[in-house]
């Protein structure tokens, strides 16, 4: 498993691995939520040398951002609602542990619980895109 707690600060190789792994996991999250193509994008901002930067899954109704901004608390996934992909402030911020990136079904359930986006465990559509 990927070590989400190993700092990306001043470590370009770790930052490359962090971004590649986070992008892959967010693609898996989109698939687990059964997000229709064209309703989301995944983008990466590497930031400066002293930070991890962030990787974002931006759906028409949900915003999920991964970074090492909450490393001391163990939190590094920001989840909130939004009103389209031009909404960068969205609803209230909710935080989850970076380790949820190693359990995509649990992360999908968390995103669904917070945003209502995706499918429930029973497979029913929770909220249209």
C-alpha atoms as a PDB file:
ATOM      1  CA  UNK A   1       0.000   0.000   0.000  1.00  0.00           C
ATOM      2  CA  UNK A   2       0.993   3.583  -0.565  1.00  0.00           C
ATOM      3  CA  UNK A   3       2.322   5.509   2.448  1.00  0.00           C
ATOM      4  CA  UNK A   4       0.016   8.536   2.466  1.00  0.00           C
ATOM      5  CA  UNK A   5       1.793   9.985   5.504  1.00  0.00           C
ATOM      6  CA  UNK A   6       5.259  10.228   3.928  1.00  0.00           C
ATOM      7  CA  UNK A   7       5.716  13.917   3.290  1.00  0.00           C
ATOM      8  CA  UNK A   8       5.965  15.248  -0.249  1.00  0.00           C
ATOM      9  CA  UNK A   9       7.776  18.371   0.953  1.00  0.00           C
ATOM     10  CA  UNK A  10      11.114  18.726  -0.823  1.00  0.00           C
ATOM     11  CA  UNK A  11      10.769  15.182  -2.229  1.00  0.00           C
ATOM     12  CA  UNK A  12       9.891  15.319  -5.931  1.00  0.00           C
ATOM     13  CA  UNK A  13       9.858  11.530  -6.359  1.00  0.00           C
ATOM     14  CA  UNK A  14       7.387  11.137  -3.468  1.00  0.00           C
ATOM     15  CA  UNK A  15       5.239  13.948  -4.883  1.00  0.00           C
ATOM     16  CA  UNK A  16       5.114  12.208  -8.292  1.00  0.00           C
ATOM     17  CA  UNK A  17       4.068   8.938  -6.615  1.00  0.00           C
ATOM     18  CA  UNK A  18       1.518  10.766  -4.434  1.00  0.00           C
ATOM     19  CA  UNK A  19      -0.127  12.450  -7.438  1.00  0.00           C
ATOM     20  CA  UNK A  20      -0.089   9.339  -9.624  1.00  0.00           C
ATOM     21  CA  UNK A  21      -1.552   7.171  -6.866  1.00  0.00           C
ATOM     22  CA  UNK A  22      -4.166   9.735  -5.828  1.00  0.00           C
ATOM     23  CA  UNK A  23      -5.277  10.213  -9.470  1.00  0.00           C
ATOM     24  CA  UNK A  24      -5.620   6.457  -9.853  1.00  0.00           C
ATOM     25  CA  UNK A  25      -7.654   6.153  -6.646  1.00  0.00           C
ATOM     26  CA  UNK A  26      -9.946   9.043  -7.628  1.00  0.00           C
ATOM     27  CA  UNK A  27     -10.572   7.346 -10.982  1.00  0.00           C
ATOM     28  CA  UNK A  28     -11.506   4.220  -9.033  1.00  0.00           C
ATOM     29  CA  UNK A  29     -13.778   6.341  -6.824  1.00  0.00           C
ATOM     30  CA  UNK A  30     -15.581   7.769  -9.872  1.00  0.00           C
ATOM     31  CA  UNK A  31     -16.110   4.225 -11.142  1.00  0.00           C
ATOM     32  CA  UNK A  32     -17.334   3.007  -7.736  1.00  0.00           C
ATOM     33  CA  UNK A  33     -19.827   5.878  -7.598  1.00  0.00           C
ATOM     34  CA  UNK A  34     -20.808   5.105 -11.194  1.00  0.00           C
ATOM     35  CA  UNK A  35     -20.417   8.722 -12.220  1.00  0.00           C
ATOM     36  CA  UNK A  36     -21.466   9.168 -15.846  1.00  0.00           C
ATOM     37  CA  UNK A  37     -18.682  10.197 -18.255  1.00  0.00           C
ATOM     38  CA  UNK A  38     -18.640  13.923 -18.858  1.00  0.00           C
ATOM     39  CA  UNK A  39     -20.022  14.766 -15.383  1.00  0.00           C
ATOM     40  CA  UNK A  40     -16.628  14.997 -13.703  1.00  0.00           C
ATOM     41  CA  UNK A  41     -12.955  15.713 -14.226  1.00  0.00           C
ATOM     42  CA  UNK A  42      -9.832  14.784 -12.326  1.00  0.00           C
ATOM     43  CA  UNK A  43      -7.095  17.376 -12.139  1.00  0.00           C
ATOM     44  CA  UNK A  44      -3.796  17.736 -10.387  1.00  0.00           C
ATOM     45  CA  UNK A  45      -2.030  20.806  -8.994  1.00  0.00           C
ATOM     46  CA  UNK A  46       1.500  19.951  -7.878  1.00  0.00           C
ATOM     47  CA  UNK A  47       1.938  23.193  -5.931  1.00  0.00           C
ATOM     48  CA  UNK A  48       5.337  24.398  -4.771  1.00  0.00           C
ATOM     49  CA  UNK A  49       8.330  22.460  -3.526  1.00  0.00           C
ATOM     50  CA  UNK A  50       7.306  22.621   0.151  1.00  0.00           C
ATOM     51  CA  UNK A  51       3.779  21.175  -0.255  1.00  0.00           C
ATOM     52  CA  UNK A  52       2.073  18.070  -1.609  1.00  0.00           C
ATOM     53  CA  UNK A  53      -0.225  19.993  -3.908  1.00  0.00           C
ATOM     54  CA  UNK A  54      -3.630  18.435  -4.468  1.00  0.00           C
ATOM     55  CA  UNK A  55      -5.511  16.064  -6.733  1.00  0.00           C
ATOM     56  CA  UNK A  56      -9.199  16.825  -7.267  1.00  0.00           C
ATOM     57  CA  UNK A  57     -12.203  14.928  -8.533  1.00  0.00           C
ATOM     58  CA  UNK A  58     -14.707  17.651  -9.472  1.00  0.00           C
ATOM     59  CA  UNK A  59     -18.173  16.334 -10.310  1.00  0.00           C
ATOM     60  CA  UNK A  60     -21.183  18.448 -11.200  1.00  0.00           C
ATOM     61  CA  UNK A  61     -22.473  17.972  -7.626  1.00  0.00           C
ATOM     62  CA  UNK A  62     -19.449  16.865  -5.563  1.00  0.00           C
ATOM     63  CA  UNK A  63     -15.905  18.030  -4.962  1.00  0.00           C
ATOM     64  CA  UNK A  64     -13.307  15.605  -3.559  1.00  0.00           C
ATOM     65  CA  UNK A  65      -9.777  16.885  -3.027  1.00  0.00           C
ATOM     66  CA  UNK A  66      -6.760  14.907  -1.817  1.00  0.00           C
ATOM     67  CA  UNK A  67      -3.701  16.541  -0.291  1.00  0.00           C
ATOM     68  CA  UNK A  68      -1.450  16.420   2.739  1.00  0.00           C
ATOM     69  CA  UNK A  69      -3.031  19.540   4.218  1.00  0.00           C
ATOM     70  CA  UNK A  70      -4.232  17.705   7.342  1.00  0.00           C
ATOM     71  CA  UNK A  71      -1.321  15.371   7.911  1.00  0.00           C
ATOM     72  CA  UNK A  72      -1.052  16.092  11.637  1.00  0.00           C
ATOM     73  CA  UNK A  73      -4.741  15.226  12.117  1.00  0.00           C
ATOM     74  CA  UNK A  74      -4.672  12.273   9.750  1.00  0.00           C
ATOM     75  CA  UNK A  75      -7.125  14.017   7.460  1.00  0.00           C
ATOM     76  CA  UNK A  76      -6.282  14.771   3.880  1.00  0.00           C
ATOM     77  CA  UNK A  77      -9.468  14.234   1.887  1.00  0.00           C
ATOM     78  CA  UNK A  78     -11.798  17.212   1.558  1.00  0.00           C
ATOM     79  CA  UNK A  79     -15.360  16.343   0.514  1.00  0.00           C
ATOM     80  CA  UNK A  80     -18.129  18.848  -0.176  1.00  0.00           C
ATOM     81  CA  UNK A  81     -21.102  19.492  -2.380  1.00  0.00           C
ATOM     82  CA  UNK A  82     -20.944  21.936  -5.262  1.00  0.00           C
ATOM     83  CA  UNK A  83     -23.188  23.408  -7.926  1.00  0.00           C
ATOM     84  CA  UNK A  84     -21.326  22.587 -11.121  1.00  0.00           C
ATOM     85  CA  UNK A  85     -17.676  22.398 -12.053  1.00  0.00           C
ATOM     86  CA  UNK A  86     -17.189  26.157 -11.856  1.00  0.00           C
ATOM     87  CA  UNK A  87     -18.100  26.121  -8.170  1.00  0.00           C
ATOM     88  CA  UNK A  88     -14.831  25.958  -6.236  1.00  0.00           C
ATOM     89  CA  UNK A  89     -16.217  26.887  -2.818  1.00  0.00           C
ATOM     90  CA  UNK A  90     -19.277  24.636  -2.605  1.00  0.00           C
ATOM     91  CA  UNK A  91     -21.028  23.521   0.548  1.00  0.00           C
ATOM     92  CA  UNK A  92     -19.646  22.810   3.985  1.00  0.00           C
ATOM     93  CA  UNK A  93     -16.236  21.170   4.195  1.00  0.00           C
ATOM     94  CA  UNK A  94     -16.020  17.585   5.460  1.00  0.00           C
ATOM     95  CA  UNK A  95     -12.723  15.802   6.020  1.00  0.00           C
ATOM     96  CA  UNK A  96     -11.760  12.151   5.858  1.00  0.00           C
ATOM     97  CA  UNK A  97      -8.575  10.205   6.471  1.00  0.00           C
ATOM     98  CA  UNK A  98      -6.132   9.738   3.595  1.00  0.00           C
ATOM     99  CA  UNK A  99      -6.167   6.030   4.371  1.00  0.00           C
ATOM    100  CA  UNK A 100      -9.694   5.837   2.905  1.00  0.00           C
ATOM    101  CA  UNK A 101      -7.940   5.996  -0.475  1.00  0.00           C
ATOM    102  CA  UNK A 102      -6.931   2.396   0.263  1.00  0.00           C
ATOM    103  CA  UNK A 103     -10.599   1.396   0.714  1.00  0.00           C
ATOM    104  CA  UNK A 104     -12.496   2.740  -2.288  1.00  0.00           C
ATOM    105  CA  UNK A 105     -15.881   1.210  -1.323  1.00  0.00           C
ATOM    106  CA  UNK A 106     -15.673   2.919   2.086  1.00  0.00           C
ATOM    107  CA  UNK A 107     -14.591   6.193   0.484  1.00  0.00           C
ATOM    108  CA  UNK A 108     -17.471   5.951  -2.021  1.00  0.00           C
ATOM    109  CA  UNK A 109     -19.900   5.381   0.857  1.00  0.00           C
ATOM    110  CA  UNK A 110     -18.479   8.423   2.673  1.00  0.00           C
ATOM    111  CA  UNK A 111     -18.729  10.640  -0.420  1.00  0.00           C
ATOM    112  CA  UNK A 112     -22.269   9.405  -1.033  1.00  0.00           C
ATOM    113  CA  UNK A 113     -23.283  10.056   2.596  1.00  0.00           C
ATOM    114  CA  UNK A 114     -21.951  13.614   2.481  1.00  0.00           C
ATOM    115  CA  UNK A 115     -22.990  14.639  -1.036  1.00  0.00           C
ATOM    116  CA  UNK A 116     -25.772  12.269  -2.058  1.00  0.00           C
ATOM    117  CA  UNK A 117     -23.872  11.686  -5.301  1.00  0.00           C
ATOM    118  CA  UNK A 118     -23.454   8.245  -6.780  1.00  0.00           C
ATOM    119  CA  UNK A 119     -25.139   5.001  -6.018  1.00  0.00           C
ATOM    120  CA  UNK A 120     -26.120   3.491  -2.698  1.00  0.00           C
ATOM    121  CA  UNK A 121     -25.015   0.028  -1.648  1.00  0.00           C
ATOM    122  CA  UNK A 122     -28.281  -1.322  -3.085  1.00  0.00           C
ATOM    123  CA  UNK A 123     -27.353   0.159  -6.468  1.00  0.00           C
ATOM    124  CA  UNK A 124     -30.134   2.736  -6.653  1.00  0.00           C
ATOM    125  CA  UNK A 125     -29.308   6.165  -7.988  1.00  0.00           C
ATOM    126  CA  UNK A 126     -29.149   8.570  -5.087  1.00  0.00           C
ATOM    127  CA  UNK A 127     -29.065  11.862  -6.960  1.00  0.00           C
ATOM    128  CA  UNK A 128     -29.057  12.579 -10.650  1.00  0.00           C
ATOM    129  CA  UNK A 129     -26.007  14.287 -12.088  1.00  0.00           C
END
